[in-house]
C-alpha atoms as a PDB file:
ATOM      1  CA  MET A   1      53.683  45.188  75.964  1.00  0.00           C
ATOM      2  CA  ALA A   2      52.381  44.204  72.502  1.00  0.00           C
ATOM      3  CA  GLN A   3      52.202  46.858  69.949  1.00  0.00           C
ATOM      4  CA  GLU A   4      48.725  48.410  69.414  1.00  0.00           C
ATOM      5  CA  LEU A   5      47.416  48.320  65.856  1.00  0.00           C
ATOM      6  CA  ASN A   6      44.410  50.345  64.369  1.00  0.00           C
ATOM      7  CA  PRO A   7      41.136  48.655  64.741  1.00  0.00           C
ATOM      8  CA  PRO A   8      39.635  47.219  61.510  1.00  0.00           C
ATOM      9  CA  ALA A   9      36.993  49.203  59.714  1.00  0.00           C
ATOM     10  CA  TRP A  10      34.300  46.627  59.786  1.00  0.00           C
ATOM     11  CA  SER A  11      31.292  47.206  62.134  1.00  0.00           C
ATOM     12  CA  VAL A  12      29.639  44.954  64.761  1.00  0.00           C
ATOM     13  CA  ARG A  13      26.958  44.536  62.163  1.00  0.00           C
ATOM     14  CA  ASP A  14      29.365  43.180  59.614  1.00  0.00           C
ATOM     15  CA  VAL A  15      30.734  40.690  62.339  1.00  0.00           C
ATOM     16  CA  ALA A  16      27.181  39.513  63.185  1.00  0.00           C
ATOM     17  CA  VAL A  17      26.287  39.061  59.414  1.00  0.00           C
ATOM     18  CA  GLY A  18      29.601  37.284  58.742  1.00  0.00           C
ATOM     19  CA  SER A  19      29.196  35.090  61.777  1.00  0.00           C
ATOM     20  CA  ALA A  20      25.552  34.096  60.794  1.00  0.00           C
ATOM     21  CA  ILE A  21      26.649  33.232  57.309  1.00  0.00           C
ATOM     22  CA  VAL A  22      29.509  30.996  58.466  1.00  0.00           C
ATOM     23  CA  LEU A  23      27.326  29.284  61.196  1.00  0.00           C
ATOM     24  CA  PHE A  24      24.337  28.580  59.079  1.00  0.00           C
ATOM     25  CA  GLY A  25      26.418  27.772  56.105  1.00  0.00           C
ATOM     26  CA  THR A  26      28.430  25.320  58.164  1.00  0.00           C
ATOM     27  CA  PHE A  27      25.316  23.656  59.436  1.00  0.00           C
ATOM     28  CA  ALA A  28      23.808  23.426  55.894  1.00  0.00           C
ATOM     29  CA  LEU A  29      27.069  22.064  54.527  1.00  0.00           C
ATOM     30  CA  MET A  30      27.339  19.356  57.206  1.00  0.00           C
ATOM     31  CA  PHE A  31      23.669  18.404  56.824  1.00  0.00           C
ATOM     32  CA  LEU A  32      24.167  18.138  53.061  1.00  0.00           C
ATOM     33  CA  LEU A  33      27.278  16.110  53.337  1.00  0.00           C
ATOM     34  CA  VAL A  34      25.947  13.724  55.990  1.00  0.00           C
ATOM     35  CA  SER A  35      22.853  13.085  53.722  1.00  0.00           C
ATOM     36  CA  VAL A  36      25.075  12.350  50.782  1.00  0.00           C
ATOM     37  CA  ALA A  37      27.399  10.022  52.912  1.00  0.00           C
ATOM     38  CA  LEU A  38      24.500   8.076  54.327  1.00  0.00           C
ATOM     39  CA  GLY A  39      22.965   7.782  51.004  1.00  0.00           C
ATOM     40  CA  GLY A  40      26.054   6.608  49.110  1.00  0.00           C
ATOM     41  CA  GLU A  41      27.555   2.938  48.825  1.00  0.00           C
ATOM     42  CA  SER A  42      31.264   3.749  49.762  1.00  0.00           C
ATOM     43  CA  GLU A  43      33.003   1.877  52.414  1.00  0.00           C
ATOM     44  CA  PRO A  44      32.596   3.398  55.995  1.00  0.00           C
ATOM     45  CA  ASP A  45      36.252   4.375  56.256  1.00  0.00           C
ATOM     46  CA  SER A  46      36.404   6.010  52.797  1.00  0.00           C
ATOM     47  CA  VAL A  47      33.158   7.893  53.539  1.00  0.00           C
ATOM     48  CA  GLY A  48      34.477   9.162  56.896  1.00  0.00           C
ATOM     49  CA  ILE A  49      37.723  10.607  55.310  1.00  0.00           C
ATOM     50  CA  GLY A  50      35.962  11.914  52.160  1.00  0.00           C
ATOM     51  CA  TYR A  51      33.357  13.596  54.319  1.00  0.00           C
ATOM     52  CA  PHE A  52      35.980  15.203  56.512  1.00  0.00           C
ATOM     53  CA  TRP A  53      37.985  16.522  53.453  1.00  0.00           C
ATOM     54  CA  ALA A  54      34.986  17.850  51.735  1.00  0.00           C
ATOM     55  CA  ALA A  55      33.513  19.451  55.057  1.00  0.00           C
ATOM     56  CA  ALA A  56      36.951  21.091  55.778  1.00  0.00           C
ATOM     57  CA  ALA A  57      37.285  22.346  52.169  1.00  0.00           C
ATOM     58  CA  LEU A  58      33.774  23.659  51.869  1.00  0.00           C
ATOM     59  CA  GLN A  59      33.668  25.361  55.313  1.00  0.00           C
ATOM     60  CA  GLY A  60      37.123  26.971  54.601  1.00  0.00           C
ATOM     61  CA  VAL A  61      36.016  28.293  51.192  1.00  0.00           C
ATOM     62  CA  LEU A  62      32.847  29.733  52.796  1.00  0.00           C
ATOM     63  CA  ILE A  63      34.945  31.485  55.393  1.00  0.00           C
ATOM     64  CA  LEU A  64      37.364  32.860  52.892  1.00  0.00           C
ATOM     65  CA  LEU A  65      34.498  34.249  50.760  1.00  0.00           C
ATOM     66  CA  VAL A  66      33.016  35.914  53.936  1.00  0.00           C
ATOM     67  CA  LEU A  67      36.515  37.576  54.675  1.00  0.00           C
ATOM     68  CA  TRP A  68      37.072  38.442  51.121  1.00  0.00           C
ATOM     69  CA  ARG A  69      33.638  40.181  51.053  1.00  0.00           C
ATOM     70  CA  PHE A  70      34.328  42.452  54.037  1.00  0.00           C
ATOM     71  CA  VAL A  71      38.115  43.053  53.303  1.00  0.00           C
ATOM     72  CA  ARG A  72      37.164  44.129  49.790  1.00  0.00           C
ATOM     73  CA  LYS A  73      34.076  46.261  51.070  1.00  0.00           C
ATOM     74  CA  TYR A  74      36.375  48.467  52.940  1.00  0.00           C
ATOM     75  CA  GLY A  75      39.477  48.185  50.696  1.00  0.00           C
ATOM     76  CA  LEU A  76      41.621  46.911  53.525  1.00  0.00           C
ATOM     77  CA  PRO A  77      44.853  45.062  53.243  1.00  0.00           C
ATOM     78  CA  LEU A  78      45.032  41.477  54.208  1.00  0.00           C
ATOM     79  CA  SER A  79      47.101  42.428  57.104  1.00  0.00           C
ATOM     80  CA  SER A  80      43.822  43.693  58.725  1.00  0.00           C
ATOM     81  CA  LEU A  81      42.953  40.151  59.399  1.00  0.00           C
ATOM     82  CA  GLY A  82      46.046  39.835  61.640  1.00  0.00           C
ATOM     83  CA  LEU A  83      48.249  38.097  58.939  1.00  0.00           C
ATOM     84  CA  GLY A  84      51.234  40.246  59.836  1.00  0.00           C
ATOM     85  CA  ARG A  85      54.136  39.083  61.728  1.00  0.00           C
ATOM     86  CA  PRO A  86      53.602  38.512  65.432  1.00  0.00           C
ATOM     87  CA  VAL A  87      54.806  41.323  67.718  1.00  0.00           C
ATOM     88  CA  GLY A  88      56.007  41.408  71.147  1.00  0.00           C
ATOM     89  CA  LYS A  89      58.270  39.038  73.280  1.00  0.00           C
ATOM     90  CA  TYR A  90      57.976  35.427  74.041  1.00  0.00           C
ATOM     91  CA  VAL A  91      55.629  34.605  71.130  1.00  0.00           C
ATOM     92  CA  ASN A  92      56.549  30.960  71.105  1.00  0.00           C
ATOM     93  CA  LEU A  93      56.214  30.616  74.867  1.00  0.00           C
ATOM     94  CA  LEU A  94      52.875  32.308  74.789  1.00  0.00           C
ATOM     95  CA  SER A  95      51.614  29.926  72.054  1.00  0.00           C
ATOM     96  CA  LEU A  96      52.868  26.895  73.928  1.00  0.00           C
ATOM     97  CA  ALA A  97      51.079  28.328  77.226  1.00  0.00           C
ATOM     98  CA  ALA A  98      47.824  28.591  75.211  1.00  0.00           C
ATOM     99  CA  LEU A  99      48.285  25.271  73.660  1.00  0.00           C
ATOM    100  CA  LEU A 100      48.948  23.521  77.048  1.00  0.00           C
ATOM    101  CA  GLY A 101      46.126  25.408  78.675  1.00  0.00           C
ATOM    102  CA  SER A 102      43.687  24.196  76.036  1.00  0.00           C
ATOM    103  CA  LEU A 103      44.844  20.676  76.197  1.00  0.00           C
ATOM    104  CA  GLY A 104      44.785  20.691  80.001  1.00  0.00           C
ATOM    105  CA  PHE A 105      41.324  22.094  80.280  1.00  0.00           C
ATOM    106  CA  THR A 106      39.991  19.596  77.705  1.00  0.00           C
ATOM    107  CA  ALA A 107      41.467  16.784  79.531  1.00  0.00           C
ATOM    108  CA  LEU A 108      40.019  17.964  82.874  1.00  0.00           C
ATOM    109  CA  TYR A 109      36.664  18.491  81.329  1.00  0.00           C
ATOM    110  CA  GLY A 110      36.644  15.129  79.745  1.00  0.00           C
ATOM    111  CA  TRP A 111      37.740  13.408  83.124  1.00  0.00           C
ATOM    112  CA  THR A 112      35.020  15.426  84.949  1.00  0.00           C
ATOM    113  CA  VAL A 113      32.018  14.581  82.675  1.00  0.00           C
ATOM    114  CA  ALA A 114      33.241  10.881  82.461  1.00  0.00           C
ATOM    115  CA  THR A 115      33.395  10.693  86.277  1.00  0.00           C
ATOM    116  CA  LEU A 116      29.907  12.140  86.548  1.00  0.00           C
ATOM    117  CA  GLU A 117      28.648   9.656  83.859  1.00  0.00           C
ATOM    118  CA  LEU A 118      27.447  12.471  81.569  1.00  0.00           C
ATOM    119  CA  ASP A 119      28.514  10.689  78.456  1.00  0.00           C
ATOM    120  CA  PHE A 120      26.411  12.940  76.277  1.00  0.00           C
ATOM    121  CA  LEU A 121      28.704  15.799  77.257  1.00  0.00           C
ATOM    122  CA  LEU A 122      31.968  13.997  76.320  1.00  0.00           C
ATOM    123  CA  PRO A 123      33.906  15.588  73.420  1.00  0.00           C
ATOM    124  CA  LYS A 124      33.844  13.470  70.359  1.00  0.00           C
ATOM    125  CA  PRO A 125      37.306  12.106  69.670  1.00  0.00           C
ATOM    126  CA  VAL A 126      39.008  12.309  66.292  1.00  0.00           C
ATOM    127  CA  PRO A 127      37.621   9.280  64.287  1.00  0.00           C
ATOM    128  CA  GLU A 128      40.249   6.552  63.933  1.00  0.00           C
ATOM    129  CA  GLU A 129      39.733   6.295  60.289  1.00  0.00           C
ATOM    130  CA  LEU A 130      40.986   9.925  59.815  1.00  0.00           C
ATOM    131  CA  ALA A 131      44.373   8.618  61.055  1.00  0.00           C
ATOM    132  CA  ASP A 132      44.588   5.920  58.367  1.00  0.00           C
ATOM    133  CA  ARG A 133      48.327   5.850  57.363  1.00  0.00           C
ATOM    134  CA  ARG A 134      47.408   5.818  53.710  1.00  0.00           C
ATOM    135  CA  PHE A 135      45.949   9.332  53.991  1.00  0.00           C
ATOM    136  CA  PHE A 136      47.705  10.588  57.071  1.00  0.00           C
ATOM    137  CA  VAL A 137      49.849  13.213  55.452  1.00  0.00           C
ATOM    138  CA  ILE A 138      46.949  14.750  53.535  1.00  0.00           C
ATOM    139  CA  THR A 139      44.685  14.659  56.537  1.00  0.00           C
ATOM    140  CA  ALA A 140      47.411  16.227  58.753  1.00  0.00           C
ATOM    141  CA  ILE A 141      47.803  19.066  56.136  1.00  0.00           C
ATOM    142  CA  VAL A 142      44.067  19.704  56.235  1.00  0.00           C
ATOM    143  CA  ILE A 143      43.684  19.409  60.004  1.00  0.00           C
ATOM    144  CA  ALA A 144      46.801  21.142  61.025  1.00  0.00           C
ATOM    145  CA  GLY A 145      47.253  23.545  58.191  1.00  0.00           C
ATOM    146  CA  TRP A 146      44.040  24.566  56.264  1.00  0.00           C
ATOM    147  CA  VAL A 147      41.572  24.455  59.144  1.00  0.00           C
ATOM    148  CA  PRO A 148      43.505  26.367  61.750  1.00  0.00           C
ATOM    149  CA  PHE A 149      44.321  28.930  59.140  1.00  0.00           C
ATOM    150  CA  VAL A 150      40.902  29.765  57.935  1.00  0.00           C
ATOM    151  CA  GLU A 151      39.322  29.539  61.524  1.00  0.00           C
ATOM    152  CA  GLU A 152      42.028  31.863  63.126  1.00  0.00           C
ATOM    153  CA  ALA A 153      41.651  34.313  60.295  1.00  0.00           C
ATOM    154  CA  PHE A 154      37.918  34.378  60.798  1.00  0.00           C
ATOM    155  CA  PHE A 155      37.257  33.955  64.522  1.00  0.00           C
ATOM    156  CA  ARG A 156      40.277  35.909  65.804  1.00  0.00           C
ATOM    157  CA  GLY A 157      41.249  38.146  62.935  1.00  0.00           C
ATOM    158  CA  PHE A 158      37.745  39.110  61.934  1.00  0.00           C
ATOM    159  CA  VAL A 159      35.296  38.387  64.755  1.00  0.00           C
ATOM    160  CA  PHE A 160      37.301  39.094  67.724  1.00  0.00           C
ATOM    161  CA  SER A 161      39.181  42.123  66.328  1.00  0.00           C
ATOM    162  CA  GLY A 162      35.912  43.511  64.949  1.00  0.00           C
ATOM    163  CA  LEU A 163      34.267  43.485  68.416  1.00  0.00           C
ATOM    164  CA  THR A 164      37.256  44.604  70.424  1.00  0.00           C
ATOM    165  CA  ALA A 165      36.915  48.378  69.622  1.00  0.00           C
ATOM    166  CA  LYS A 166      33.256  48.423  70.831  1.00  0.00           C
ATOM    167  CA  TYR A 167      33.063  45.802  73.582  1.00  0.00           C
ATOM    168  CA  GLY A 168      36.619  45.563  74.880  1.00  0.00           C
ATOM    169  CA  ILE A 169      38.918  42.584  75.136  1.00  0.00           C
ATOM    170  CA  LEU A 170      36.929  40.514  77.690  1.00  0.00           C
ATOM    171  CA  VAL A 171      33.510  40.674  75.997  1.00  0.00           C
ATOM    172  CA  ALA A 172      34.880  40.386  72.425  1.00  0.00           C
ATOM    173  CA  GLY A 173      36.834  37.354  73.539  1.00  0.00           C
ATOM    174  CA  ALA A 174      33.772  35.651  75.013  1.00  0.00           C
ATOM    175  CA  ILE A 175      31.660  36.402  71.942  1.00  0.00           C
ATOM    176  CA  SER A 176      34.175  35.214  69.492  1.00  0.00           C
ATOM    177  CA  ALA A 177      34.940  32.064  71.645  1.00  0.00           C
ATOM    178  CA  ALA A 178      31.090  31.452  71.695  1.00  0.00           C
ATOM    179  CA  VAL A 179      30.893  31.671  67.860  1.00  0.00           C
ATOM    180  CA  PHE A 180      33.911  29.508  67.524  1.00  0.00           C
ATOM    181  CA  ALA A 181      32.302  26.878  69.800  1.00  0.00           C
ATOM    182  CA  ALA A 182      29.029  27.000  68.090  1.00  0.00           C
ATOM    183  CA  ALA A 183      30.743  26.385  64.708  1.00  0.00           C
ATOM    184  CA  HIS A 184      31.948  23.101  65.794  1.00  0.00           C
ATOM    185  CA  LEU A 185      28.300  21.751  66.002  1.00  0.00           C
ATOM    186  CA  SER A 186      29.094  19.488  68.967  1.00  0.00           C
ATOM    187  CA  LEU A 187      27.246  19.670  72.312  1.00  0.00           C
ATOM    188  CA  GLY A 188      30.248  17.841  73.968  1.00  0.00           C
ATOM    189  CA  SER A 189      32.785  20.155  72.583  1.00  0.00           C
ATOM    190  CA  LEU A 190      31.038  23.507  73.303  1.00  0.00           C
ATOM    191  CA  LEU A 191      32.756  24.190  76.730  1.00  0.00           C
ATOM    192  CA  PRO A 192      36.258  22.935  75.883  1.00  0.00           C
ATOM    193  CA  VAL A 193      36.228  24.763  72.466  1.00  0.00           C
ATOM    194  CA  PHE A 194      34.752  27.985  74.110  1.00  0.00           C
ATOM    195  CA  VAL A 195      37.718  27.882  76.600  1.00  0.00           C
ATOM    196  CA  THR A 196      40.190  27.302  73.835  1.00  0.00           C
ATOM    197  CA  GLY A 197      38.661  30.194  71.939  1.00  0.00           C
ATOM    198  CA  ILE A 198      39.302  32.548  74.956  1.00  0.00           C
ATOM    199  CA  LEU A 199      42.969  31.352  75.101  1.00  0.00           C
ATOM    200  CA  PHE A 200      43.338  32.017  71.410  1.00  0.00           C
ATOM    201  CA  ALA A 201      41.747  35.329  71.559  1.00  0.00           C
ATOM    202  CA  TRP A 202      44.201  36.245  74.368  1.00  0.00           C
ATOM    203  CA  LEU A 203      47.031  35.065  72.329  1.00  0.00           C
ATOM    204  CA  TYR A 204      45.876  37.092  69.285  1.00  0.00           C
ATOM    205  CA  HIS A 205      45.543  40.110  71.524  1.00  0.00           C
ATOM    206  CA  ARG A 206      49.051  39.726  72.853  1.00  0.00           C
ATOM    207  CA  THR A 207      50.761  39.181  69.603  1.00  0.00           C
ATOM    208  CA  LYS A 208      48.390  41.107  67.172  1.00  0.00           C
ATOM    209  CA  SER A 209      48.754  38.203  64.699  1.00  0.00           C
ATOM    210  CA  VAL A 210      46.820  35.083  63.783  1.00  0.00           C
ATOM    211  CA  TRP A 211      50.045  33.218  63.337  1.00  0.00           C
ATOM    212  CA  ALA A 212      50.385  32.685  67.117  1.00  0.00           C
ATOM    213  CA  PRO A 213      47.026  31.163  67.780  1.00  0.00           C
ATOM    214  CA  PHE A 214      47.436  29.367  64.414  1.00  0.00           C
ATOM    215  CA  SER A 215      50.465  27.487  65.733  1.00  0.00           C
ATOM    216  CA  ALA A 216      48.770  26.488  68.913  1.00  0.00           C
ATOM    217  CA  HIS A 217      45.581  25.554  66.989  1.00  0.00           C
ATOM    218  CA  ALA A 218      47.652  23.442  64.553  1.00  0.00           C
ATOM    219  CA  GLY A 219      49.480  21.750  67.428  1.00  0.00           C
ATOM    220  CA  GLN A 220      46.338  20.818  69.070  1.00  0.00           C
ATOM    221  CA  ASN A 221      44.621  19.370  66.078  1.00  0.00           C
ATOM    222  CA  LEU A 222      47.838  17.473  65.230  1.00  0.00           C
ATOM    223  CA  ILE A 223      48.113  16.022  68.700  1.00  0.00           C
ATOM    224  CA  ALA A 224      44.436  14.886  68.491  1.00  0.00           C
ATOM    225  CA  LEU A 225      44.994  13.292  65.123  1.00  0.00           C
ATOM    226  CA  SER A 226      48.193  11.497  66.419  1.00  0.00           C
ATOM    227  CA  PHE A 227      46.241  10.118  69.353  1.00  0.00           C
ATOM    228  CA  ALA A 228      43.659   8.751  67.047  1.00  0.00           C
ATOM    229  CA  GLY A 229      46.246   7.093  64.974  1.00  0.00           C
ATOM    230  CA  ALA A 230      47.905   5.476  68.238  1.00  0.00           C
ATOM    231  CA  GLN A 231      44.644   3.814  69.168  1.00  0.00           C
END
C-alpha cells in the first residue's frame, strides 16, 4: 500500500479560489489570443503554432503563480504539491495502466459519438500544423513537458490533494477531474478529459507524487502529437 503523507494546509476555499482564477484566467487568455490571431496578418500555420506556444506559456505561468501564492501563504515546501519521488510498488506499470486506460476510453468515446453521428461531441484532434517538422522538437517539449508538469502540479498536486481530506478520494477525484476537463474549453473533450482526470487522480493517490501522472500525461500528449504528424 502507498505511503500516506500529511494533507496540505490549504483549505477547500483556497482550492475553489485557485480553480476559479485558473479557469476564468484561461478563458480570458484564450479569448485574447484568438482575437489577436484572427486580427493578424500571419500565415495560418504560423498563427496556429504561435497561438499554441503562447497559450501554453501563459496558462502555465498563471497556474504557477496560483500555486506559488498558496504554497507561500502557508510556508509549505514544494513537496506539498506532490513533487516528491513516487512511493509504492509498480509505479511504471500503474502509469502505463492509466495511460492505456485514458487512450482506450478516448478511442471508445470517439468511435461511439462518430457512430451516433454526434459530430459536435467529437474531441478535437491535435492540429496538423503543430506537428510541423520545423518546430516539432519545441512543440513536443511544450506539449509533453511543460503542459503536463504545470497541469499535474495544479489539478492533482493542488486541487485533488486539497479536497481529499474533506471529501474523500472519490469525490475529490471527481471534482478535480471536472475542473481539469473544464479548463480544456472543449465540449467534445469534456467526458474523455474527465475520465482521464479520474485515472490521473487515482494514480496520484497510489504514488503520492505528480511524477507518475505526469509521465502518463506526457505520453498521451506525445502520442497525440505523433499521430497528427503522421497524417
